[in-house]
Protein backbone atom coordinates (compact mmCIF):
# COMPACT_ATOMS: atom_id res chain seq x y z
CA MET A 1 -15.50 0.51 10.41
CA ASN A 2 -15.60 3.42 12.17
CA ALA A 3 -18.85 5.91 12.37
CA GLN A 4 -17.25 8.53 10.82
CA PRO A 5 -13.80 8.03 9.33
CA GLN A 6 -11.71 11.32 8.82
CA HIS A 7 -10.13 12.56 5.43
CA ARG A 8 -6.32 12.07 5.87
CA SER A 9 -3.94 11.41 2.73
CA ASN A 10 -2.52 8.37 3.22
CA SER A 11 1.59 9.81 4.25
CA GLU A 12 -0.58 11.57 6.90
CA ALA A 13 -1.84 8.15 8.42
CA LEU A 14 0.97 6.42 8.58
CA THR A 15 3.89 8.97 10.00
CA ALA A 16 1.29 10.12 12.75
CA THR A 17 1.03 6.61 13.05
CA LEU A 18 4.54 5.37 13.01
CA ASP A 19 8.06 6.13 15.04
CA LEU A 20 9.76 6.03 12.09
CA GLN A 21 13.22 8.44 14.00
CA ASN A 22 16.67 5.78 14.21
CA LYS A 23 14.02 3.05 12.76
CA LYS A 24 15.02 -0.01 10.85
CA VAL A 25 11.71 0.67 8.25
CA ILE A 26 11.03 -2.09 5.51
CA ASP A 27 8.26 -0.90 2.62
CA VAL A 28 6.61 -4.39 1.10
CA GLY A 29 5.85 -3.77 -2.56
CA CYS A 30 6.83 -0.66 -1.85
CA GLY A 31 6.39 0.29 -6.53
CA GLU A 32 8.20 3.69 -6.59
CA GLY A 33 9.59 4.76 -3.87
CA HIS A 34 6.59 6.94 -2.35
CA LEU A 35 6.43 6.08 1.01
CA VAL A 36 10.43 4.95 1.33
CA ARG A 37 11.57 8.46 0.10
CA LEU A 38 8.50 10.15 2.30
CA MET A 39 10.42 7.05 5.66
CA THR A 40 13.80 8.48 4.99
CA ARG A 41 12.88 11.85 5.17
CA HIS A 42 10.93 11.33 8.82
CA GLY A 43 14.55 10.16 10.15
CA ALA A 44 14.02 6.54 8.97
CA LYS A 45 16.32 3.92 7.53
CA ALA A 46 14.08 2.57 5.14
CA PHE A 47 14.43 -0.66 2.61
CA GLY A 48 12.27 -1.04 -0.30
CA VAL A 49 10.69 -4.49 -1.40
CA GLU A 50 9.67 -4.58 -5.08
CA CYS A 51 9.20 -8.07 -7.76
CA SER A 52 8.32 -5.14 -10.64
CA ALA A 53 10.95 -4.26 -12.83
CA LYS A 54 9.05 -1.15 -14.34
CA MET A 55 8.65 0.09 -10.53
CA LEU A 56 12.20 -0.75 -8.99
CA GLU A 57 13.88 1.13 -12.58
CA LYS A 58 10.96 3.84 -11.25
CA ALA A 59 12.88 4.09 -8.17
CA HIS A 60 16.19 3.66 -8.46
CA GLU A 61 15.85 7.12 -11.03
CA GLU A 62 13.75 8.71 -8.36
CA LYS A 63 16.67 11.82 -6.73
CA PRO A 64 16.97 9.61 -3.12
CA VAL A 65 16.40 11.88 -0.54
CA GLY A 66 18.32 9.78 2.12
CA ASP A 67 20.17 6.30 2.18
CA GLU A 68 17.25 4.90 1.74
CA VAL A 69 17.19 1.38 -0.63
CA TYR A 70 15.92 -0.75 -2.78
CA TYR A 71 15.58 -4.47 -3.30
CA ASP A 72 14.35 -6.75 -6.36
CA GLY A 73 12.36 -9.58 -4.01
CA ARG A 74 9.15 -10.44 -2.67
CA ALA A 75 6.84 -10.64 0.56
CA GLU A 76 7.03 -13.95 0.47
CA GLU A 77 10.82 -14.57 0.63
CA LEU A 78 12.14 -11.38 2.49
CA PRO A 79 15.96 -10.40 1.92
CA PHE A 80 16.58 -9.81 5.30
CA ASP A 81 18.38 -11.52 8.34
CA ASP A 82 15.96 -12.10 11.42
CA THR A 83 15.50 -10.11 14.01
CA SER A 84 16.72 -7.46 11.93
CA ILE A 85 13.56 -4.38 11.28
CA ASP A 86 12.28 -2.29 13.49
CA VAL A 87 8.83 -2.03 11.79
CA ALA A 88 7.08 -3.80 8.32
CA VAL A 89 5.33 -2.07 6.28
CA PHE A 90 2.65 -3.18 4.19
CA PHE A 91 0.34 -0.27 2.13
CA ASN A 92 -1.36 -1.15 -0.51
CA SER A 93 -0.04 -4.39 -1.19
CA LEU A 94 -1.58 -7.29 1.60
CA HIS A 95 -3.83 -7.77 -1.97
CA HIS A 96 -1.27 -8.15 -4.59
CA VAL A 97 0.55 -11.13 -2.91
CA PRO A 98 -1.12 -14.08 -4.17
CA ALA A 99 -4.16 -15.42 -2.19
CA GLU A 100 -1.72 -19.00 -1.85
CA SER A 101 0.99 -16.93 -0.44
CA MET A 102 -0.09 -14.41 1.76
CA GLU A 103 -0.01 -16.09 5.28
CA LYS A 104 3.78 -16.92 4.02
CA ALA A 105 4.69 -13.00 3.89
CA LEU A 106 3.16 -12.48 7.63
CA SER A 107 5.10 -14.92 8.69
CA GLU A 108 7.50 -13.30 7.03
CA ALA A 109 7.33 -9.81 8.11
CA ALA A 110 7.60 -11.65 11.59
CA ARG A 111 10.81 -12.86 11.18
CA VAL A 112 12.29 -9.97 10.04
CA LEU A 113 10.74 -8.33 12.96
CA LYS A 114 12.62 -7.57 16.30
CA SER A 115 11.55 -8.38 19.32
CA GLU A 116 8.54 -5.53 19.72
CA GLY A 117 8.85 -4.89 16.38
CA VAL A 118 5.81 -3.08 14.40
CA LEU A 119 3.63 -4.63 11.43
CA TYR A 120 1.82 -2.22 9.36
CA ILE A 121 -0.79 -3.10 6.76
CA CYS A 122 -2.89 -0.98 5.45
CA GLU A 123 -5.53 -1.82 2.83
CA PRO A 124 -7.92 -0.13 0.86
CA VAL A 125 -12.04 -1.10 1.73
CA ALA A 126 -13.78 -2.18 -1.38
CA GLU A 127 -16.17 0.35 -1.44
CA GLY A 128 -15.90 5.09 -1.89
CA PRO A 129 -15.81 6.31 -5.09
CA HIS A 130 -12.65 6.30 -6.01
CA PHE A 131 -12.99 2.03 -5.59
CA GLU A 132 -16.11 2.43 -7.61
CA LEU A 133 -14.52 4.48 -10.76
CA MET A 134 -11.53 1.21 -10.65
CA GLN A 135 -14.26 -1.55 -10.21
CA PRO A 136 -14.83 -2.34 -13.96
CA VAL A 137 -11.95 -2.52 -14.92
CA HIS A 138 -9.63 -4.30 -11.67
CA ASP A 139 -12.15 -4.88 -9.20
CA GLU A 140 -10.39 -6.34 -6.62
CA THR A 141 -13.18 -7.34 -4.26
CA MET A 142 -12.59 -10.93 -3.38
CA VAL A 143 -8.34 -10.08 -3.08
CA ARG A 144 -8.95 -7.12 -0.48
CA ALA A 145 -11.88 -9.50 1.40
CA GLN A 146 -8.60 -12.27 1.61
CA ALA A 147 -6.15 -10.31 2.60
CA TYR A 148 -8.34 -9.08 5.12
CA ALA A 149 -9.39 -12.88 6.61
CA THR A 150 -5.30 -13.15 6.31
CA LEU A 151 -4.90 -11.50 9.66
CA ASP A 152 -6.28 -13.48 11.56
CA LYS A 153 -3.85 -15.76 11.10
CA ALA A 154 -1.53 -13.21 12.41
CA PRO A 155 -0.56 -14.39 16.17
CA ASN A 156 0.31 -17.61 15.03
CA TYR A 157 3.69 -16.60 13.88
CA GLY A 158 3.85 -13.84 16.97
CA LEU A 159 1.31 -11.14 16.15
CA THR A 160 -0.70 -9.76 17.98
CA ALA A 161 -2.84 -7.36 17.09
CA GLN A 162 -2.52 -3.53 18.52
CA ASP A 163 -4.98 -1.18 16.45
CA GLU A 164 -7.64 -1.09 13.45
CA PHE A 165 -8.59 2.28 12.55
CA THR A 166 -9.71 3.72 8.99
CA TYR A 167 -9.34 7.40 7.46
CA ILE A 168 -10.94 8.49 4.00
CA HIS A 169 -7.35 8.70 1.51
CA PRO A 170 -8.29 11.95 -1.39
CA ALA A 171 -6.98 9.62 -4.35
CA MET A 172 -5.10 12.21 -6.61
CA HIS A 173 -5.41 12.11 -9.74
CA ILE A 174 -4.60 15.71 -12.55
CA ASN A 175 -6.84 14.22 -15.50
CA PHE A 176 -8.01 11.26 -16.88
CA GLU A 177 -5.56 10.47 -19.19
CA ALA A 178 -2.97 10.98 -15.48
CA PHE A 179 -5.24 8.30 -14.04
CA LYS A 180 -5.39 6.01 -17.43
CA GLU A 181 -1.24 6.08 -17.83
CA ARG A 182 -1.35 6.18 -13.77
CA MET A 183 -3.67 2.17 -13.68
CA LEU A 184 -2.18 0.62 -16.87
CA ARG A 185 1.68 1.20 -15.02
CA ILE A 186 0.78 -0.45 -11.64
CA ASN A 187 -1.76 -3.37 -14.39
CA PRO A 188 -1.29 -4.00 -17.00
CA GLN A 189 -2.78 -6.69 -17.98
CA HIS A 190 -5.75 -4.96 -17.61
CA GLU A 191 -5.05 -2.18 -20.69
CA ASN A 192 -7.78 -4.38 -23.02
CA ALA A 193 -10.19 -3.48 -20.57
CA VAL A 194 -9.51 -0.42 -20.12
CA THR A 195 -9.88 0.20 -24.04
CA THR A 196 -12.96 -1.49 -24.38
CA HIS A 197 -14.62 0.68 -21.77
CA GLU A 198 -12.57 4.09 -21.57
CA ALA A 199 -16.50 5.76 -22.63
CA ASP A 200 -18.09 4.53 -19.48
CA LEU A 201 -14.82 4.96 -17.43
CA LEU A 202 -14.61 8.65 -18.44
CA SER A 203 -17.70 9.10 -17.43
CA SER A 204 -17.17 7.67 -14.48
CA PHE A 205 -14.27 9.56 -13.92
CA LYS A 206 -16.44 12.99 -14.27
CA ARG A 207 -19.28 11.47 -11.88
CA LEU A 208 -17.08 10.84 -9.07
CA GLY A 209 -14.67 12.78 -8.89
CA THR A 210 -14.33 16.69 -7.42
CA GLU A 211 -12.66 18.83 -9.04
CA THR A 212 -10.04 21.07 -7.59
CA ASP A 213 -6.70 23.16 -8.20
CA LYS A 214 -4.42 19.54 -7.73
CA GLY A 215 -6.79 17.61 -10.16
CA PHE A 216 -9.82 15.06 -9.38
CA SER A 217 -9.95 14.22 -6.46
CA PHE A 218 -11.56 10.12 -5.55
CA ASP A 219 -12.20 9.41 -1.62
CA GLN A 220 -10.98 6.27 -1.44
CA PRO A 221 -11.77 4.02 2.37
CA MET A 222 -8.63 2.77 4.27
CA ARG A 223 -8.01 0.27 6.78
CA VAL A 224 -5.37 0.67 9.10
CA ASN A 225 -4.01 -3.04 11.71
CA LEU A 226 -1.36 -2.68 13.43
CA PHE A 227 0.78 -5.42 15.57
CA THR A 228 3.68 -6.14 17.20
CA LYS A 229 6.02 -8.70 17.78
CA VAL A 230 5.98 -10.65 21.23
């Protein structure tokens, strides 16, 4: 990791790194579609792929900013033709793919990318205040390590590593209730654990968060890996 990663938002890191103008871009595991809309605003023809019906419903409920499109799909079987995409983005999503299917997700990204297409993989590092806040009920140490290790297989699919860098994203939550609601919306399977540990979570929220005029900020180190398809 860099000695002193700079603070920047995930959106800033992505738009500063990728050339999006007039590019066909997919966000694999797009959730509610925030990055899809962001990339559309930056001139991309953007597509979101999401396997959660609840998240996909919320993406469709948002007011379109352009001609973005959302698909019900999975990283292991992308609904796009071979060599049809300029940029594939995995933002905070590769570690959500089942461990046994992570390599398949890489191969699918390579399949749909054009020659010289770019694969952008951004993953949270298992450290920092935001990770510490969530760890008691949602410890992703192992799956994040598995996702990072899977990147070693990228050359097997014609993907050449171009760059790796880290930065610190300020994860924002308006208040503790908003934090709980978002965590359970993304990970509803943790409802019992959240209820059991709610007092400890609240204590950690107050201890680890920095209060701002927009709510509470929690530093989260992020790692970006860039690949180009041969």
